């Protein structure tokens, strides 16, 4: 009987101390900030955005988002990969002043809320154009923005193709500074 109790106690301790998940206190979301072009991945270390009003009676908020490999603001013109996601449109009445509106932005030939007009680009700011400057398959570009809190956003884009036929996608989670 004594051996049975020791076995039962050991089994109970194993069940009690086993874990079903990560116990490090984190949220388990350790995705790296990147832009992937074909099979090459670039780290993204900085992001900022600009908000403009467009459309009749300024009905839309238009966002331009800038990502940089070298943690340099847009105005400073650093070296490395730069990704610009231009002309993302949200309904201005639904947007919060000074923040990007969360949602999925799809290509549209007409100016509508939750759309983009297909003008986004990649460039090497050191002047060495190693990758296509413009996305050529804009209709497939999908941009997802999630406002986490404060100046922290989670932004994901996919479906674009560069001039050389390489698939382009990316992910960024962190502070996105209001560039104006």
Protein backbone atom coordinates (compact mmCIF):
# COMPACT_ATOMS: atom_id res chain seq x y z
CA UNK A 1 0.00 0.00 0.00
CA UNK A 2 2.87 2.33 0.82
CA UNK A 3 4.30 1.88 -2.72
CA UNK A 4 0.89 2.62 -4.21
CA UNK A 5 0.62 5.91 -2.24
CA UNK A 6 4.15 6.93 -3.32
CA UNK A 7 3.23 6.16 -6.94
CA UNK A 8 -0.06 8.06 -6.66
CA UNK A 9 1.69 11.07 -5.05
CA UNK A 10 4.36 11.07 -7.78
CA UNK A 11 1.68 10.91 -10.49
CA UNK A 12 -0.25 13.78 -8.88
CA UNK A 13 2.93 15.88 -8.70
CA UNK A 14 3.69 15.22 -12.37
CA UNK A 15 0.22 16.33 -13.37
CA UNK A 16 0.36 19.36 -11.08
CA UNK A 17 3.74 20.58 -12.34
CA UNK A 18 3.24 19.93 -16.04
CA UNK A 19 2.32 22.84 -18.27
CA UNK A 20 0.12 23.26 -21.27
CA UNK A 21 1.77 26.48 -22.44
CA UNK A 22 4.50 29.01 -22.07
CA UNK A 23 5.15 30.06 -18.45
CA UNK A 24 7.47 32.97 -19.22
CA UNK A 25 4.73 35.54 -18.67
CA UNK A 26 4.84 36.67 -22.29
CA UNK A 27 1.94 36.73 -24.69
CA UNK A 28 3.57 34.15 -26.96
CA UNK A 29 3.67 36.65 -29.86
CA UNK A 30 7.39 36.90 -30.61
CA UNK A 31 7.05 37.52 -34.36
CA UNK A 32 9.98 39.39 -35.84
CA UNK A 33 9.44 42.64 -37.77
CA UNK A 34 10.37 41.98 -41.39
CA UNK A 35 9.81 42.56 -45.07
CA UNK A 36 10.27 39.49 -47.23
CA UNK A 37 11.04 39.87 -50.92
CA UNK A 38 11.24 36.53 -52.69
CA UNK A 39 13.37 34.40 -50.38
CA UNK A 40 15.25 37.35 -48.81
CA UNK A 41 14.06 38.75 -45.49
CA UNK A 42 14.95 42.22 -44.19
CA UNK A 43 14.59 43.36 -40.58
CA UNK A 44 12.36 46.38 -40.04
CA UNK A 45 13.44 48.58 -37.15
CA UNK A 46 11.42 51.77 -37.50
CA UNK A 47 7.98 52.90 -38.64
CA UNK A 48 6.14 56.17 -38.93
CA UNK A 49 2.95 57.33 -40.64
CA UNK A 50 1.30 60.43 -42.03
CA UNK A 51 -2.41 61.19 -42.09
CA UNK A 52 -4.00 63.39 -44.74
CA UNK A 53 -7.62 64.24 -45.49
CA UNK A 54 -8.82 63.47 -49.01
CA UNK A 55 -12.00 63.18 -51.04
CA UNK A 56 -14.94 65.50 -51.35
CA UNK A 57 -15.49 67.32 -48.07
CA UNK A 58 -12.43 65.53 -46.68
CA UNK A 59 -14.52 62.41 -46.06
CA UNK A 60 -11.55 60.03 -45.97
CA UNK A 61 -8.49 59.78 -43.80
CA UNK A 62 -5.54 58.72 -45.97
CA UNK A 63 -2.56 57.00 -44.34
CA UNK A 64 0.97 56.71 -45.68
CA UNK A 65 3.11 54.27 -43.68
CA UNK A 66 6.90 54.20 -43.85
CA UNK A 67 9.06 51.32 -42.62
CA UNK A 68 12.87 51.38 -42.50
CA UNK A 69 15.50 48.72 -42.06
CA UNK A 70 17.96 51.04 -40.34
CA UNK A 71 15.73 52.73 -37.73
CA UNK A 72 15.87 56.09 -39.52
CA UNK A 73 12.85 58.40 -39.77
CA UNK A 74 11.54 59.18 -43.26
CA UNK A 75 12.87 62.74 -43.23
CA UNK A 76 16.42 61.61 -42.33
CA UNK A 77 16.85 59.42 -45.44
CA UNK A 78 18.81 56.46 -44.04
CA UNK A 79 20.38 53.52 -45.84
CA UNK A 80 18.90 50.08 -46.39
CA UNK A 81 15.48 48.83 -47.35
CA UNK A 82 12.57 51.23 -47.16
CA UNK A 83 8.95 50.12 -47.56
CA UNK A 84 6.25 52.70 -48.25
CA UNK A 85 2.58 51.73 -48.09
CA UNK A 86 0.81 54.73 -49.59
CA UNK A 87 -2.79 55.82 -49.90
CA UNK A 88 -4.63 53.63 -47.42
CA UNK A 89 -8.13 55.09 -47.05
CA UNK A 90 -10.45 54.95 -44.03
CA UNK A 91 -13.77 56.63 -43.37
CA UNK A 92 -12.79 59.82 -41.57
CA UNK A 93 -15.91 59.77 -39.39
CA UNK A 94 -14.88 56.36 -37.99
CA UNK A 95 -11.20 57.23 -37.49
CA UNK A 96 -9.73 58.64 -34.28
CA UNK A 97 -7.68 61.82 -34.61
CA UNK A 98 -3.96 61.06 -34.80
CA UNK A 99 -4.41 57.29 -35.11
CA UNK A 100 -4.65 54.85 -37.98
CA UNK A 101 -7.95 53.02 -38.26
CA UNK A 102 -7.78 49.27 -37.61
CA UNK A 103 -8.98 46.97 -40.36
CA UNK A 104 -8.14 45.28 -43.63
CA UNK A 105 -7.36 47.48 -46.63
CA UNK A 106 -7.89 45.99 -50.10
CA UNK A 107 -7.23 47.38 -53.57
CA UNK A 108 -9.95 49.48 -55.20
CA UNK A 109 -9.88 51.55 -58.39
CA UNK A 110 -12.31 53.96 -56.75
CA UNK A 111 -11.79 55.90 -53.56
CA UNK A 112 -13.68 53.97 -50.87
CA UNK A 113 -13.23 53.40 -47.15
CA UNK A 114 -10.94 50.49 -46.18
CA UNK A 115 -9.16 50.48 -49.53
CA UNK A 116 -5.87 51.47 -51.13
CA UNK A 117 -5.27 52.72 -54.64
CA UNK A 118 -2.32 50.49 -55.41
CA UNK A 119 0.59 52.89 -55.12
CA UNK A 120 3.11 51.40 -52.72
CA UNK A 121 6.80 50.86 -53.21
CA UNK A 122 10.05 49.31 -52.09
CA UNK A 123 13.39 51.00 -52.52
CA UNK A 124 16.98 50.80 -51.44
CA UNK A 125 17.68 54.26 -50.10
CA UNK A 126 21.42 53.89 -50.61
CA UNK A 127 20.83 54.27 -54.34
CA UNK A 128 21.60 50.63 -55.18
CA UNK A 129 18.33 49.45 -56.69
CA UNK A 130 18.58 45.73 -56.02
CA UNK A 131 14.84 45.15 -55.98
CA UNK A 132 11.91 46.45 -57.99
CA UNK A 133 10.89 49.97 -57.13
CA UNK A 134 7.15 49.55 -57.52
CA UNK A 135 4.81 46.70 -56.78
CA UNK A 136 3.32 45.59 -60.08
CA UNK A 137 0.46 43.45 -58.81
CA UNK A 138 -1.27 46.05 -56.68
CA UNK A 139 -4.70 44.47 -56.91
CA UNK A 140 -3.43 41.59 -54.77
CA UNK A 141 -1.88 43.75 -52.02
CA UNK A 142 -3.73 43.40 -48.70
CA UNK A 143 -2.77 45.52 -45.70
CA UNK A 144 -4.05 44.70 -42.21
CA UNK A 145 -3.73 47.26 -39.43
CA UNK A 146 -4.46 46.56 -35.77
CA UNK A 147 -4.14 49.43 -33.29
CA UNK A 148 -2.89 47.69 -30.15
CA UNK A 149 -2.63 50.70 -27.79
CA UNK A 150 -1.04 54.14 -27.66
CA UNK A 151 1.40 54.36 -30.57
CA UNK A 152 1.73 50.56 -30.90
CA UNK A 153 0.33 48.96 -34.04
CA UNK A 154 0.44 45.53 -35.61
CA UNK A 155 0.65 45.83 -39.41
CA UNK A 156 0.81 42.99 -41.90
CA UNK A 157 0.91 43.12 -45.68
CA UNK A 158 0.94 40.42 -48.33
CA UNK A 159 0.04 39.63 -51.90
CA UNK A 160 2.29 42.18 -53.63
CA UNK A 161 4.72 41.31 -56.42
CA UNK A 162 7.79 43.42 -57.29
CA UNK A 163 8.97 44.27 -60.81
CA UNK A 164 11.14 41.15 -60.88
CA UNK A 165 8.23 38.82 -60.04
CA UNK A 166 9.20 38.30 -56.38
CA UNK A 167 6.44 37.95 -53.80
CA UNK A 168 6.51 40.75 -51.20
CA UNK A 169 5.10 40.49 -47.70
CA UNK A 170 5.84 41.92 -44.29
CA UNK A 171 4.97 42.24 -40.65
CA UNK A 172 5.59 44.96 -38.09
CA UNK A 173 4.47 45.21 -34.47
CA UNK A 174 5.70 48.10 -32.39
CA UNK A 175 5.59 51.86 -32.14
CA UNK A 176 4.51 53.69 -35.27
CA UNK A 177 5.32 57.36 -34.81
CA UNK A 178 2.97 60.05 -36.11
CA UNK A 179 5.29 61.71 -38.64
CA UNK A 180 3.45 65.05 -38.77
